[in-house]
Amino acid sequence: AVVQRHASLRTSFHLSDGEPVQRVAPNADVKIRIEDAHTLNESELRQRASQEARQPFDLSTGSLIRAVAYERSAAHWVLLLVLHHIIEDFWSLGIILYELSHSYRSAARLPPLQGGYRDFVQWQSEILAGAAGGANWAYWQKQLAGACAAIDLPTDRSRPPVQGYRGATFSMPLERELVDRLKRLSQAEGVTLFTTLLAGFAILLHRYSRQDDLCIGSPM
């Protein structure tokens, strides 16, 4: 029901005269594969799910969604959803999970969509192609002109000649009292918690690098 509701989740991508084009399937074609996981411990299940998640997609054939339900016991199942990033990002993932949870718990239908993603893309393209879009492009090109290409951090190894993209994750839980103080500070300044934490990150980078001009990328 969720996949049928969103055209982007039924889209595949093909080449036509060397140019990529979208094809939206009229009906959802997502099969949930059932796997017996009674004998697997938590680590083994995570390893199996990780292996499944790393399997590649063919953008031009079939669905760009894979679903696997691991049965731990009659009352305990683990659902793995693997979606290609071309049809889903972190923001839309939250929408998908909400709608999936709603549809699973309730027989009531979700309210109809006010518009699809293609409608949004067309609206955005029209803005960027007009005078307002040209002014926005000019503004940001001026603001970012001469921006630093790299941040000079005192690391224990030299920067490689060619940029790599092997990332890593470091998790550090924050105490509830600190989080509450950060939220109160954000509310007092009229900004989001994300903006407050980003400002703190920028200050940290400034103190390490002694640079006043910092370029920090964020996916959202």
N, C-alpha and C. Protein backbone atom coordinates (compact mmCIF):
# COMPACT_ATOMS: atom_id res chain seq x y z
N ALA A 1 0.83 -1.21 0.00
CA ALA A 1 0.00 0.00 0.00
C ALA A 1 0.86 1.26 0.00
N VAL A 2 1.96 1.25 0.77
CA VAL A 2 2.84 2.42 0.84
C VAL A 2 3.55 2.62 -0.50
N VAL A 3 4.05 1.54 -1.08
CA VAL A 3 4.74 1.65 -2.37
C VAL A 3 3.76 2.09 -3.46
N GLN A 4 2.55 1.58 -3.42
CA GLN A 4 1.54 1.98 -4.41
C GLN A 4 1.21 3.46 -4.28
N ARG A 5 1.34 3.99 -3.08
CA ARG A 5 0.98 5.38 -2.79
C ARG A 5 1.98 6.38 -3.37
N HIS A 6 3.25 5.98 -3.49
CA HIS A 6 4.30 6.90 -3.91
C HIS A 6 4.93 6.45 -5.23
N ALA A 7 4.80 7.29 -6.25
CA ALA A 7 5.34 6.95 -7.57
C ALA A 7 6.85 6.77 -7.54
N SER A 8 7.54 7.53 -6.69
CA SER A 8 9.00 7.43 -6.64
C SER A 8 9.46 6.04 -6.23
N LEU A 9 8.66 5.34 -5.41
CA LEU A 9 9.02 4.01 -4.97
C LEU A 9 8.73 2.95 -6.03
N ARG A 10 8.06 3.36 -7.11
CA ARG A 10 7.77 2.43 -8.22
C ARG A 10 8.54 2.84 -9.49
N THR A 11 9.59 3.62 -9.31
CA THR A 11 10.33 4.17 -10.45
C THR A 11 11.60 3.37 -10.71
N SER A 12 11.86 3.12 -11.99
CA SER A 12 13.14 2.57 -12.43
C SER A 12 13.75 3.55 -13.43
N PHE A 13 15.03 3.37 -13.76
CA PHE A 13 15.76 4.36 -14.54
C PHE A 13 16.44 3.69 -15.72
N HIS A 14 16.24 4.27 -16.91
CA HIS A 14 16.70 3.66 -18.14
C HIS A 14 17.42 4.70 -18.99
N LEU A 15 18.18 4.22 -19.98
CA LEU A 15 18.84 5.11 -20.92
C LEU A 15 18.04 5.14 -22.22
N SER A 16 17.79 6.35 -22.71
CA SER A 16 17.12 6.54 -23.98
C SER A 16 17.96 7.52 -24.79
N ASP A 17 18.59 7.02 -25.85
CA ASP A 17 19.51 7.84 -26.66
C ASP A 17 20.60 8.45 -25.79
N GLY A 18 21.08 7.65 -24.84
CA GLY A 18 22.17 8.09 -23.98
C GLY A 18 21.77 8.98 -22.83
N GLU A 19 20.48 9.27 -22.70
CA GLU A 19 19.99 10.14 -21.62
C GLU A 19 19.16 9.32 -20.64
N PRO A 20 19.32 9.57 -19.32
CA PRO A 20 18.53 8.81 -18.34
C PRO A 20 17.08 9.28 -18.33
N VAL A 21 16.18 8.34 -18.26
CA VAL A 21 14.75 8.64 -18.16
C VAL A 21 14.13 7.78 -17.07
N GLN A 22 13.02 8.27 -16.53
CA GLN A 22 12.31 7.54 -15.48
C GLN A 22 11.15 6.77 -16.09
N ARG A 23 10.91 5.60 -15.51
CA ARG A 23 9.71 4.84 -15.86
C ARG A 23 9.02 4.45 -14.55
N VAL A 24 7.77 4.85 -14.43
CA VAL A 24 7.00 4.57 -13.22
C VAL A 24 6.07 3.40 -13.49
N ALA A 25 6.26 2.32 -12.74
CA ALA A 25 5.38 1.16 -12.89
C ALA A 25 4.00 1.50 -12.36
N PRO A 26 2.95 1.05 -13.04
CA PRO A 26 1.59 1.38 -12.58
C PRO A 26 1.23 0.72 -11.26
N ASN A 27 1.83 -0.44 -10.98
CA ASN A 27 1.48 -1.16 -9.76
C ASN A 27 2.74 -1.54 -8.98
N ALA A 28 2.59 -1.63 -7.67
CA ALA A 28 3.70 -2.01 -6.81
C ALA A 28 4.08 -3.47 -7.04
N ASP A 29 5.38 -3.74 -7.05
CA ASP A 29 5.86 -5.10 -7.26
C ASP A 29 6.96 -5.39 -6.24
N VAL A 30 6.57 -5.41 -4.97
CA VAL A 30 7.52 -5.65 -3.89
C VAL A 30 7.16 -6.95 -3.20
N LYS A 31 8.06 -7.88 -3.22
CA LYS A 31 7.86 -9.16 -2.55
C LYS A 31 8.63 -9.16 -1.22
N ILE A 32 7.99 -9.62 -0.16
CA ILE A 32 8.67 -9.74 1.13
C ILE A 32 9.18 -11.17 1.26
N ARG A 33 10.51 -11.32 1.29
CA ARG A 33 11.10 -12.64 1.43
C ARG A 33 11.15 -13.04 2.90
N ILE A 34 10.71 -14.24 3.20
CA ILE A 34 10.69 -14.73 4.57
C ILE A 34 11.91 -15.61 4.81
N GLU A 35 12.64 -15.35 5.91
CA GLU A 35 13.80 -16.16 6.25
C GLU A 35 13.69 -16.63 7.70
N ASP A 36 14.08 -17.88 7.93
CA ASP A 36 14.07 -18.46 9.27
C ASP A 36 15.31 -17.98 10.02
N ALA A 37 15.11 -17.29 11.13
CA ALA A 37 16.22 -16.77 11.92
C ALA A 37 16.14 -17.24 13.37
N HIS A 38 15.47 -18.39 13.60
CA HIS A 38 15.30 -18.89 14.96
C HIS A 38 16.64 -19.17 15.64
N THR A 39 17.60 -19.68 14.89
CA THR A 39 18.87 -20.13 15.50
C THR A 39 19.94 -19.05 15.50
N LEU A 40 19.64 -17.88 14.95
CA LEU A 40 20.65 -16.81 14.86
C LEU A 40 20.65 -15.96 16.13
N ASN A 41 21.85 -15.63 16.62
CA ASN A 41 21.92 -14.66 17.71
C ASN A 41 21.91 -13.25 17.11
N GLU A 42 21.93 -12.24 17.97
CA GLU A 42 21.80 -10.86 17.51
C GLU A 42 22.91 -10.48 16.54
N SER A 43 24.14 -10.88 16.86
CA SER A 43 25.27 -10.55 16.00
C SER A 43 25.17 -11.22 14.64
N GLU A 44 24.77 -12.47 14.62
CA GLU A 44 24.64 -13.21 13.36
C GLU A 44 23.53 -12.63 12.50
N LEU A 45 22.44 -12.20 13.14
CA LEU A 45 21.34 -11.60 12.38
C LEU A 45 21.78 -10.28 11.77
N ARG A 46 22.50 -9.47 12.53
CA ARG A 46 23.00 -8.19 12.00
C ARG A 46 23.94 -8.43 10.81
N GLN A 47 24.78 -9.46 10.92
CA GLN A 47 25.72 -9.76 9.85
C GLN A 47 24.97 -10.18 8.58
N ARG A 48 23.94 -11.01 8.75
CA ARG A 48 23.17 -11.45 7.59
C ARG A 48 22.43 -10.28 6.96
N ALA A 49 21.85 -9.43 7.78
CA ALA A 49 21.14 -8.26 7.26
C ALA A 49 22.10 -7.31 6.56
N SER A 50 23.31 -7.15 7.12
CA SER A 50 24.31 -6.28 6.49
C SER A 50 24.72 -6.81 5.13
N GLN A 51 24.88 -8.11 5.01
CA GLN A 51 25.22 -8.71 3.72
C GLN A 51 24.11 -8.48 2.70
N GLU A 52 22.87 -8.60 3.14
CA GLU A 52 21.73 -8.36 2.25
C GLU A 52 21.71 -6.91 1.79
N ALA A 53 21.98 -5.99 2.72
CA ALA A 53 21.92 -4.57 2.40
C ALA A 53 22.99 -4.16 1.40
N ARG A 54 24.10 -4.89 1.34
CA ARG A 54 25.19 -4.54 0.43
C ARG A 54 25.01 -5.09 -0.98
N GLN A 55 23.98 -5.87 -1.21
CA GLN A 55 23.76 -6.41 -2.55
C GLN A 55 23.34 -5.27 -3.50
N PRO A 56 23.90 -5.23 -4.69
CA PRO A 56 23.62 -4.11 -5.60
C PRO A 56 22.23 -4.19 -6.22
N PHE A 57 21.79 -3.06 -6.76
CA PHE A 57 20.54 -2.97 -7.51
C PHE A 57 20.85 -2.78 -8.99
N ASP A 58 19.95 -3.21 -9.83
CA ASP A 58 19.97 -2.86 -11.24
C ASP A 58 18.92 -1.78 -11.44
N LEU A 59 19.35 -0.56 -11.75
CA LEU A 59 18.42 0.57 -11.82
C LEU A 59 17.37 0.42 -12.91
N SER A 60 17.65 -0.41 -13.90
CA SER A 60 16.75 -0.46 -15.05
C SER A 60 15.76 -1.61 -15.01
N THR A 61 15.94 -2.53 -14.08
CA THR A 61 15.02 -3.67 -14.04
C THR A 61 14.52 -3.89 -12.62
N GLY A 62 13.27 -4.25 -12.52
CA GLY A 62 12.72 -4.64 -11.23
C GLY A 62 12.56 -3.48 -10.27
N SER A 63 12.23 -3.83 -9.04
CA SER A 63 12.01 -2.84 -8.00
C SER A 63 13.33 -2.44 -7.37
N LEU A 64 13.41 -1.18 -6.94
CA LEU A 64 14.60 -0.68 -6.25
C LEU A 64 14.40 -0.75 -4.74
N ILE A 65 13.52 -1.67 -4.32
CA ILE A 65 13.27 -1.95 -2.91
C ILE A 65 13.38 -3.45 -2.69
N ARG A 66 14.07 -3.84 -1.64
CA ARG A 66 14.08 -5.24 -1.21
C ARG A 66 13.58 -5.29 0.23
N ALA A 67 12.76 -6.29 0.52
CA ALA A 67 12.21 -6.45 1.86
C ALA A 67 12.41 -7.89 2.31
N VAL A 68 12.99 -8.05 3.49
CA VAL A 68 13.23 -9.38 4.06
C VAL A 68 12.68 -9.39 5.48
N ALA A 69 11.86 -10.38 5.79
CA ALA A 69 11.33 -10.54 7.14
C ALA A 69 12.01 -11.75 7.78
N TYR A 70 12.76 -11.50 8.86
CA TYR A 70 13.46 -12.56 9.58
C TYR A 70 12.60 -13.00 10.76
N GLU A 71 12.24 -14.28 10.79
CA GLU A 71 11.40 -14.81 11.87
C GLU A 71 12.29 -15.31 13.00
N ARG A 72 12.26 -14.61 14.15
CA ARG A 72 13.00 -15.04 15.33
C ARG A 72 12.18 -16.00 16.17
N SER A 73 10.88 -15.74 16.24
CA SER A 73 9.92 -16.60 16.93
C SER A 73 8.54 -16.27 16.38
N ALA A 74 7.52 -16.94 16.86
CA ALA A 74 6.18 -16.69 16.35
C ALA A 74 5.74 -15.25 16.58
N ALA A 75 6.23 -14.62 17.63
CA ALA A 75 5.81 -13.26 17.97
C ALA A 75 6.91 -12.23 17.78
N HIS A 76 8.06 -12.64 17.25
CA HIS A 76 9.19 -11.71 17.12
C HIS A 76 9.76 -11.81 15.71
N TRP A 77 9.58 -10.74 14.95
CA TRP A 77 10.08 -10.66 13.58
C TRP A 77 10.93 -9.41 13.43
N VAL A 78 11.89 -9.48 12.54
CA VAL A 78 12.71 -8.32 12.19
C VAL A 78 12.55 -8.05 10.70
N LEU A 79 12.12 -6.84 10.36
CA LEU A 79 11.92 -6.47 8.96
C LEU A 79 13.09 -5.64 8.48
N LEU A 80 13.71 -6.07 7.39
CA LEU A 80 14.80 -5.32 6.76
C LEU A 80 14.28 -4.72 5.46
N LEU A 81 14.40 -3.40 5.34
CA LEU A 81 14.05 -2.71 4.10
C LEU A 81 15.33 -2.14 3.50
N VAL A 82 15.59 -2.47 2.26
CA VAL A 82 16.76 -1.95 1.54
C VAL A 82 16.23 -1.15 0.35
N LEU A 83 16.51 0.14 0.34
CA LEU A 83 16.04 1.02 -0.73
C LEU A 83 17.23 1.73 -1.36
N HIS A 84 17.24 1.82 -2.68
CA HIS A 84 18.31 2.55 -3.35
C HIS A 84 18.15 4.04 -3.07
N HIS A 85 19.28 4.72 -2.90
CA HIS A 85 19.24 6.13 -2.53
C HIS A 85 18.62 7.00 -3.62
N ILE A 86 18.55 6.50 -4.85
CA ILE A 86 18.00 7.31 -5.94
C ILE A 86 16.48 7.49 -5.78
N ILE A 87 15.82 6.64 -5.00
CA ILE A 87 14.38 6.77 -4.79
C ILE A 87 14.03 7.14 -3.35
N GLU A 88 15.02 7.29 -2.50
CA GLU A 88 14.72 7.52 -1.07
C GLU A 88 15.91 8.21 -0.42
N ASP A 89 15.64 9.22 0.41
CA ASP A 89 16.68 9.83 1.21
C ASP A 89 16.26 9.78 2.68
N PHE A 90 17.08 10.37 3.53
CA PHE A 90 16.83 10.23 4.96
C PHE A 90 15.51 10.88 5.37
N TRP A 91 15.18 12.01 4.74
CA TRP A 91 13.93 12.69 5.08
C TRP A 91 12.74 11.85 4.66
N SER A 92 12.76 11.34 3.43
CA SER A 92 11.62 10.54 2.97
C SER A 92 11.54 9.20 3.68
N LEU A 93 12.69 8.72 4.21
CA LEU A 93 12.65 7.46 4.96
C LEU A 93 11.74 7.58 6.18
N GLY A 94 11.79 8.74 6.85
CA GLY A 94 10.91 8.94 8.00
C GLY A 94 9.44 8.87 7.60
N ILE A 95 9.11 9.41 6.43
CA ILE A 95 7.72 9.36 5.94
C ILE A 95 7.33 7.93 5.64
N ILE A 96 8.23 7.18 4.98
CA ILE A 96 7.95 5.78 4.65
C ILE A 96 7.70 4.97 5.91
N LEU A 97 8.56 5.13 6.91
CA LEU A 97 8.41 4.34 8.13
C LEU A 97 7.13 4.71 8.88
N TYR A 98 6.78 6.00 8.87
CA TYR A 98 5.52 6.41 9.52
C TYR A 98 4.33 5.77 8.83
N GLU A 99 4.31 5.84 7.50
CA GLU A 99 3.17 5.30 6.77
C GLU A 99 3.11 3.78 6.87
N LEU A 100 4.28 3.15 6.88
CA LEU A 100 4.31 1.69 7.03
C LEU A 100 3.77 1.27 8.39
N SER A 101 4.19 1.99 9.43
CA SER A 101 3.72 1.70 10.78
C SER A 101 2.23 1.94 10.90
N HIS A 102 1.76 3.04 10.32
CA HIS A 102 0.32 3.35 10.37
C HIS A 102 -0.49 2.27 9.66
N SER A 103 -0.03 1.87 8.46
CA SER A 103 -0.76 0.88 7.69
C SER A 103 -0.75 -0.48 8.38
N TYR A 104 0.31 -0.77 9.10
CA TYR A 104 0.43 -2.06 9.79
C TYR A 104 -0.52 -2.14 10.99
N ARG A 105 -0.67 -1.01 11.70
CA ARG A 105 -1.46 -1.01 12.93
C ARG A 105 -2.93 -0.74 12.70
N SER A 106 -3.25 -0.01 11.62
CA SER A 106 -4.62 0.49 11.47
C SER A 106 -5.18 0.13 10.10
N ALA A 107 -6.48 -0.14 10.08
CA ALA A 107 -7.15 -0.41 8.81
C ALA A 107 -7.55 0.89 8.11
N ALA A 108 -7.48 2.00 8.85
CA ALA A 108 -7.87 3.29 8.28
C ALA A 108 -6.85 3.72 7.23
N ARG A 109 -7.34 4.23 6.12
CA ARG A 109 -6.46 4.66 5.05
C ARG A 109 -5.79 5.98 5.39
N LEU A 110 -4.60 6.15 4.87
CA LEU A 110 -3.91 7.42 5.03
C LEU A 110 -4.60 8.48 4.18
N PRO A 111 -4.54 9.76 4.59
CA PRO A 111 -5.17 10.81 3.79
C PRO A 111 -4.50 10.89 2.41
N PRO A 112 -5.26 11.26 1.38
CA PRO A 112 -4.68 11.34 0.03
C PRO A 112 -3.57 12.36 -0.05
N LEU A 113 -2.59 12.10 -0.92
CA LEU A 113 -1.47 13.02 -1.11
C LEU A 113 -1.94 14.28 -1.85
N GLN A 114 -1.37 15.41 -1.49
CA GLN A 114 -1.71 16.66 -2.16
C GLN A 114 -0.95 16.83 -3.47
N GLY A 115 0.13 16.10 -3.63
CA GLY A 115 0.93 16.18 -4.85
C GLY A 115 2.03 15.15 -4.79
N GLY A 116 2.61 14.85 -5.93
CA GLY A 116 3.69 13.87 -5.99
C GLY A 116 5.04 14.54 -6.08
N TYR A 117 6.08 13.72 -6.05
CA TYR A 117 7.44 14.28 -6.09
C TYR A 117 7.72 14.94 -7.44
N ARG A 118 7.15 14.38 -8.51
CA ARG A 118 7.36 14.99 -9.82
C ARG A 118 6.74 16.39 -9.87
N ASP A 119 5.62 16.58 -9.18
CA ASP A 119 5.01 17.91 -9.12
C ASP A 119 5.96 18.89 -8.43
N PHE A 120 6.60 18.43 -7.36
CA PHE A 120 7.54 19.29 -6.63
C PHE A 120 8.74 19.63 -7.50
N VAL A 121 9.29 18.62 -8.21
CA VAL A 121 10.46 18.85 -9.06
C VAL A 121 10.13 19.84 -10.17
N GLN A 122 8.93 19.71 -10.77
CA GLN A 122 8.53 20.62 -11.82
C GLN A 122 8.39 22.05 -11.28
N TRP A 123 7.77 22.18 -10.11
CA TRP A 123 7.63 23.50 -9.48
C TRP A 123 8.99 24.11 -9.19
N GLN A 124 9.92 23.31 -8.66
CA GLN A 124 11.25 23.81 -8.34
C GLN A 124 12.01 24.20 -9.61
N SER A 125 11.89 23.38 -10.65
CA SER A 125 12.58 23.66 -11.90
C SER A 125 12.09 24.96 -12.52
N GLU A 126 10.78 25.21 -12.44
CA GLU A 126 10.23 26.45 -12.98
C GLU A 126 10.75 27.67 -12.23
N ILE A 127 10.90 27.54 -10.91
CA ILE A 127 11.45 28.64 -10.12
C ILE A 127 12.90 28.91 -10.51
N LEU A 128 13.71 27.85 -10.59
CA LEU A 128 15.13 28.02 -10.89
C LEU A 128 15.35 28.55 -12.29
N ALA A 129 14.42 28.25 -13.22
CA ALA A 129 14.58 28.70 -14.60
C ALA A 129 14.17 30.16 -14.78
N GLY A 130 13.48 30.72 -13.79
CA GLY A 130 12.99 32.09 -13.90
C GLY A 130 13.93 33.11 -13.28
N ALA A 131 13.44 34.35 -13.15
CA ALA A 131 14.26 35.44 -12.62
C ALA A 131 14.66 35.20 -11.18
N ALA A 132 13.72 34.66 -10.37
CA ALA A 132 14.04 34.41 -8.96
C ALA A 132 15.15 33.37 -8.84
N GLY A 133 15.11 32.33 -9.70
CA GLY A 133 16.16 31.32 -9.67
C GLY A 133 17.50 31.90 -10.04
N GLY A 134 17.52 32.76 -11.07
CA GLY A 134 18.77 33.38 -11.48
C GLY A 134 19.36 34.24 -10.37
N ALA A 135 18.49 34.95 -9.65
CA ALA A 135 18.97 35.79 -8.53
C ALA A 135 19.55 34.93 -7.41
N ASN A 136 18.91 33.78 -7.15
CA ASN A 136 19.43 32.88 -6.11
C ASN A 136 20.79 32.31 -6.49
N TRP A 137 20.92 31.87 -7.76
CA TRP A 137 22.21 31.35 -8.22
C TRP A 137 23.29 32.41 -8.07
N ALA A 138 23.00 33.64 -8.50
CA ALA A 138 23.99 34.71 -8.44
C ALA A 138 24.38 35.02 -6.99
N TYR A 139 23.39 35.02 -6.09
CA TYR A 139 23.66 35.33 -4.68
C TYR A 139 24.63 34.32 -4.08
N TRP A 140 24.34 33.02 -4.28
CA TRP A 140 25.17 32.01 -3.64
C TRP A 140 26.53 31.86 -4.30
N GLN A 141 26.62 32.11 -5.60
CA GLN A 141 27.92 32.10 -6.24
C GLN A 141 28.80 33.21 -5.70
N LYS A 142 28.18 34.37 -5.39
CA LYS A 142 28.93 35.47 -4.79
C LYS A 142 29.33 35.15 -3.36
N GLN A 143 28.39 34.58 -2.59
CA GLN A 143 28.68 34.27 -1.19
C GLN A 143 29.79 33.23 -1.05
N LEU A 144 29.82 32.27 -1.97
CA LEU A 144 30.77 31.16 -1.85
C LEU A 144 32.02 31.36 -2.69
N ALA A 145 32.14 32.49 -3.36
CA ALA A 145 33.33 32.75 -4.18
C ALA A 145 34.57 32.81 -3.29
N GLY A 146 35.60 32.08 -3.67
CA GLY A 146 36.85 32.09 -2.91
C GLY A 146 36.79 31.30 -1.62
N ALA A 147 35.77 30.49 -1.44
CA ALA A 147 35.66 29.70 -0.21
C ALA A 147 36.81 28.70 -0.14
N CYS A 148 37.21 28.39 1.08
CA CYS A 148 38.36 27.50 1.26
C CYS A 148 38.04 26.12 0.70
N ALA A 149 39.04 25.52 0.09
CA ALA A 149 38.86 24.19 -0.48
C ALA A 149 39.00 23.10 0.58
N ALA A 150 39.72 23.39 1.65
CA ALA A 150 39.96 22.37 2.68
C ALA A 150 40.20 23.05 4.02
N ILE A 151 40.00 22.30 5.07
CA ILE A 151 40.27 22.79 6.42
C ILE A 151 41.59 22.17 6.89
N ASP A 152 42.50 23.01 7.35
CA ASP A 152 43.83 22.55 7.74
C ASP A 152 43.79 22.11 9.21
N LEU A 153 43.56 20.84 9.43
CA LEU A 153 43.46 20.31 10.79
C LEU A 153 44.78 19.64 11.19
N PRO A 154 45.14 19.74 12.46
CA PRO A 154 46.38 19.12 12.94
C PRO A 154 46.23 17.62 13.14
N THR A 155 46.06 16.89 12.04
CA THR A 155 45.86 15.45 12.12
C THR A 155 47.21 14.73 12.19
N ASP A 156 47.15 13.44 12.47
CA ASP A 156 48.38 12.65 12.61
C ASP A 156 48.79 11.99 11.29
N ARG A 157 48.18 12.41 10.19
CA ARG A 157 48.57 11.89 8.88
C ARG A 157 48.27 12.95 7.83
N SER A 158 48.98 12.90 6.72
CA SER A 158 48.82 13.91 5.68
C SER A 158 47.57 13.64 4.86
N ARG A 159 47.04 14.70 4.26
CA ARG A 159 45.86 14.57 3.41
C ARG A 159 46.25 13.83 2.13
N PRO A 160 45.49 12.83 1.71
CA PRO A 160 45.85 12.10 0.48
C PRO A 160 45.72 12.99 -0.74
N PRO A 161 46.50 12.71 -1.80
CA PRO A 161 46.42 13.55 -3.01
C PRO A 161 45.07 13.47 -3.71
N VAL A 162 44.38 12.34 -3.60
CA VAL A 162 43.06 12.16 -4.19
C VAL A 162 42.07 11.90 -3.06
N GLN A 163 40.98 12.64 -3.04
CA GLN A 163 39.98 12.50 -1.98
C GLN A 163 39.32 11.13 -2.03
N GLY A 164 39.22 10.51 -0.86
CA GLY A 164 38.49 9.25 -0.74
C GLY A 164 37.15 9.48 -0.08
N TYR A 165 36.29 8.48 -0.14
CA TYR A 165 34.94 8.64 0.40
C TYR A 165 34.60 7.54 1.39
N ARG A 166 35.61 6.94 1.99
CA ARG A 166 35.36 5.93 3.00
C ARG A 166 35.12 6.62 4.33
N GLY A 167 33.86 6.74 4.69
CA GLY A 167 33.51 7.45 5.91
C GLY A 167 33.53 6.54 7.13
N ALA A 168 33.25 7.12 8.26
CA ALA A 168 33.17 6.36 9.51
C ALA A 168 32.17 7.06 10.42
N THR A 169 31.76 6.37 11.44
CA THR A 169 30.79 6.91 12.39
C THR A 169 31.34 6.80 13.80
N PHE A 170 31.19 7.87 14.58
CA PHE A 170 31.56 7.84 15.99
C PHE A 170 30.35 8.30 16.80
N SER A 171 29.87 7.46 17.68
CA SER A 171 28.70 7.79 18.49
C SER A 171 29.12 8.18 19.90
N MET A 172 28.54 9.27 20.40
CA MET A 172 28.85 9.73 21.75
C MET A 172 27.55 10.18 22.41
N PRO A 173 26.99 9.37 23.30
CA PRO A 173 25.74 9.76 23.96
C PRO A 173 25.93 10.99 24.85
N LEU A 174 24.94 11.85 24.84
CA LEU A 174 24.96 13.06 25.67
C LEU A 174 24.00 12.88 26.85
N GLU A 175 24.39 13.44 27.98
CA GLU A 175 23.54 13.34 29.16
C GLU A 175 22.24 14.13 28.93
N ARG A 176 21.16 13.62 29.51
CA ARG A 176 19.84 14.24 29.34
C ARG A 176 19.86 15.71 29.76
N GLU A 177 20.54 16.01 30.87
CA GLU A 177 20.58 17.39 31.36
C GLU A 177 21.23 18.31 30.32
N LEU A 178 22.32 17.84 29.69
CA LEU A 178 22.99 18.64 28.67
C LEU A 178 22.09 18.84 27.46
N VAL A 179 21.39 17.80 27.04
CA VAL A 179 20.49 17.91 25.90
C VAL A 179 19.38 18.92 26.20
N ASP A 180 18.83 18.87 27.40
CA ASP A 180 17.78 19.81 27.77
C ASP A 180 18.30 21.25 27.75
N ARG A 181 19.52 21.46 28.21
CA ARG A 181 20.11 22.81 28.20
C ARG A 181 20.32 23.29 26.78
N LEU A 182 20.77 22.39 25.91
CA LEU A 182 20.96 22.75 24.50
C LEU A 182 19.64 23.11 23.84
N LYS A 183 18.59 22.37 24.18
CA LYS A 183 17.27 22.67 23.61
C LYS A 183 16.77 24.03 24.09
N ARG A 184 16.97 24.32 25.39
CA ARG A 184 16.54 25.62 25.90
C ARG A 184 17.31 26.76 25.25
N LEU A 185 18.60 26.55 25.04
CA LEU A 185 19.42 27.57 24.36
C LEU A 185 18.92 27.79 22.94
N SER A 186 18.62 26.71 22.24
CA SER A 186 18.13 26.81 20.86
C SER A 186 16.82 27.57 20.80
N GLN A 187 15.90 27.26 21.74
CA GLN A 187 14.61 27.94 21.77
C GLN A 187 14.78 29.43 22.07
N ALA A 188 15.71 29.74 22.97
CA ALA A 188 15.94 31.14 23.33
C ALA A 188 16.50 31.94 22.15
N GLU A 189 17.29 31.28 21.31
CA GLU A 189 17.89 31.96 20.16
C GLU A 189 17.02 31.86 18.91
N GLY A 190 15.92 31.11 19.00
CA GLY A 190 15.02 30.99 17.86
C GLY A 190 15.57 30.13 16.73
N VAL A 191 16.36 29.11 17.07
CA VAL A 191 16.93 28.22 16.06
C VAL A 191 16.65 26.78 16.44
N THR A 192 16.94 25.87 15.54
CA THR A 192 16.75 24.45 15.82
C THR A 192 17.95 23.91 16.59
N LEU A 193 17.76 22.75 17.20
CA LEU A 193 18.86 22.08 17.90
C LEU A 193 19.99 21.76 16.93
N PHE A 194 19.65 21.39 15.70
CA PHE A 194 20.66 21.11 14.68
C PHE A 194 21.57 22.32 14.46
N THR A 195 20.97 23.51 14.35
CA THR A 195 21.75 24.72 14.12
C THR A 195 22.69 25.01 15.29
N THR A 196 22.22 24.79 16.50
CA THR A 196 23.07 25.01 17.68
C THR A 196 24.26 24.06 17.68
N LEU A 197 24.01 22.78 17.39
CA LEU A 197 25.09 21.81 17.38
C LEU A 197 26.06 22.08 16.22
N LEU A 198 25.53 22.53 15.08
CA LEU A 198 26.39 22.87 13.95
C LEU A 198 27.29 24.05 14.29
N ALA A 199 26.75 25.04 15.01
CA ALA A 199 27.56 26.18 15.44
C ALA A 199 28.68 25.73 16.37
N GLY A 200 28.36 24.81 17.28
CA GLY A 200 29.40 24.29 18.17
C GLY A 200 30.47 23.54 17.41
N PHE A 201 30.08 22.79 16.39
CA PHE A 201 31.03 22.04 15.56
C PHE A 201 31.94 23.01 14.81
N ALA A 202 31.35 24.11 14.29
CA ALA A 202 32.14 25.11 13.57
C ALA A 202 33.17 25.77 14.50
N ILE A 203 32.76 26.05 15.74
CA ILE A 203 33.69 26.64 16.71
C ILE A 203 34.84 25.69 16.99
N LEU A 204 34.52 24.40 17.14
CA LEU A 204 35.55 23.40 17.39
C LEU A 204 36.56 23.36 16.24
N LEU A 205 36.05 23.33 15.00
CA LEU A 205 36.93 23.30 13.83
C LEU A 205 37.78 24.58 13.75
N HIS A 206 37.18 25.72 14.08
CA HIS A 206 37.92 26.98 14.07
C HIS A 206 39.08 26.94 15.07
N ARG A 207 38.84 26.41 16.24
CA ARG A 207 39.90 26.39 17.26
C ARG A 207 41.03 25.43 16.89
N TYR A 208 40.68 24.34 16.22
CA TYR A 208 41.72 23.40 15.77
C TYR A 208 42.50 23.96 14.59
N SER A 209 41.80 24.61 13.65
CA SER A 209 42.43 25.03 12.40
C SER A 209 42.88 26.48 12.40
N ARG A 210 42.33 27.32 13.27
CA ARG A 210 42.57 28.76 13.30
C ARG A 210 42.13 29.43 11.99
N GLN A 211 41.18 28.81 11.30
CA GLN A 211 40.62 29.39 10.09
C GLN A 211 39.27 30.01 10.40
N ASP A 212 39.01 31.17 9.80
CA ASP A 212 37.72 31.84 9.98
C ASP A 212 36.73 31.46 8.89
N ASP A 213 37.24 30.93 7.78
CA ASP A 213 36.41 30.57 6.64
C ASP A 213 36.30 29.05 6.59
N LEU A 214 35.14 28.51 6.94
CA LEU A 214 34.96 27.05 7.00
C LEU A 214 33.79 26.64 6.11
N CYS A 215 34.00 25.60 5.32
CA CYS A 215 32.91 25.05 4.51
C CYS A 215 32.52 23.70 5.11
N ILE A 216 31.29 23.62 5.59
CA ILE A 216 30.80 22.38 6.21
C ILE A 216 29.60 21.90 5.41
N GLY A 217 29.67 20.70 4.88
CA GLY A 217 28.56 20.16 4.11
C GLY A 217 27.60 19.39 4.99
N SER A 218 26.30 19.48 4.66
CA SER A 218 25.28 18.75 5.40
C SER A 218 24.26 18.22 4.40
N PRO A 219 23.86 16.95 4.53
CA PRO A 219 22.90 16.41 3.56
C PRO A 219 21.51 16.99 3.68
N MET A 220 21.16 17.58 4.82
CA MET A 220 19.82 18.14 5.00
C MET A 220 19.84 19.13 6.14
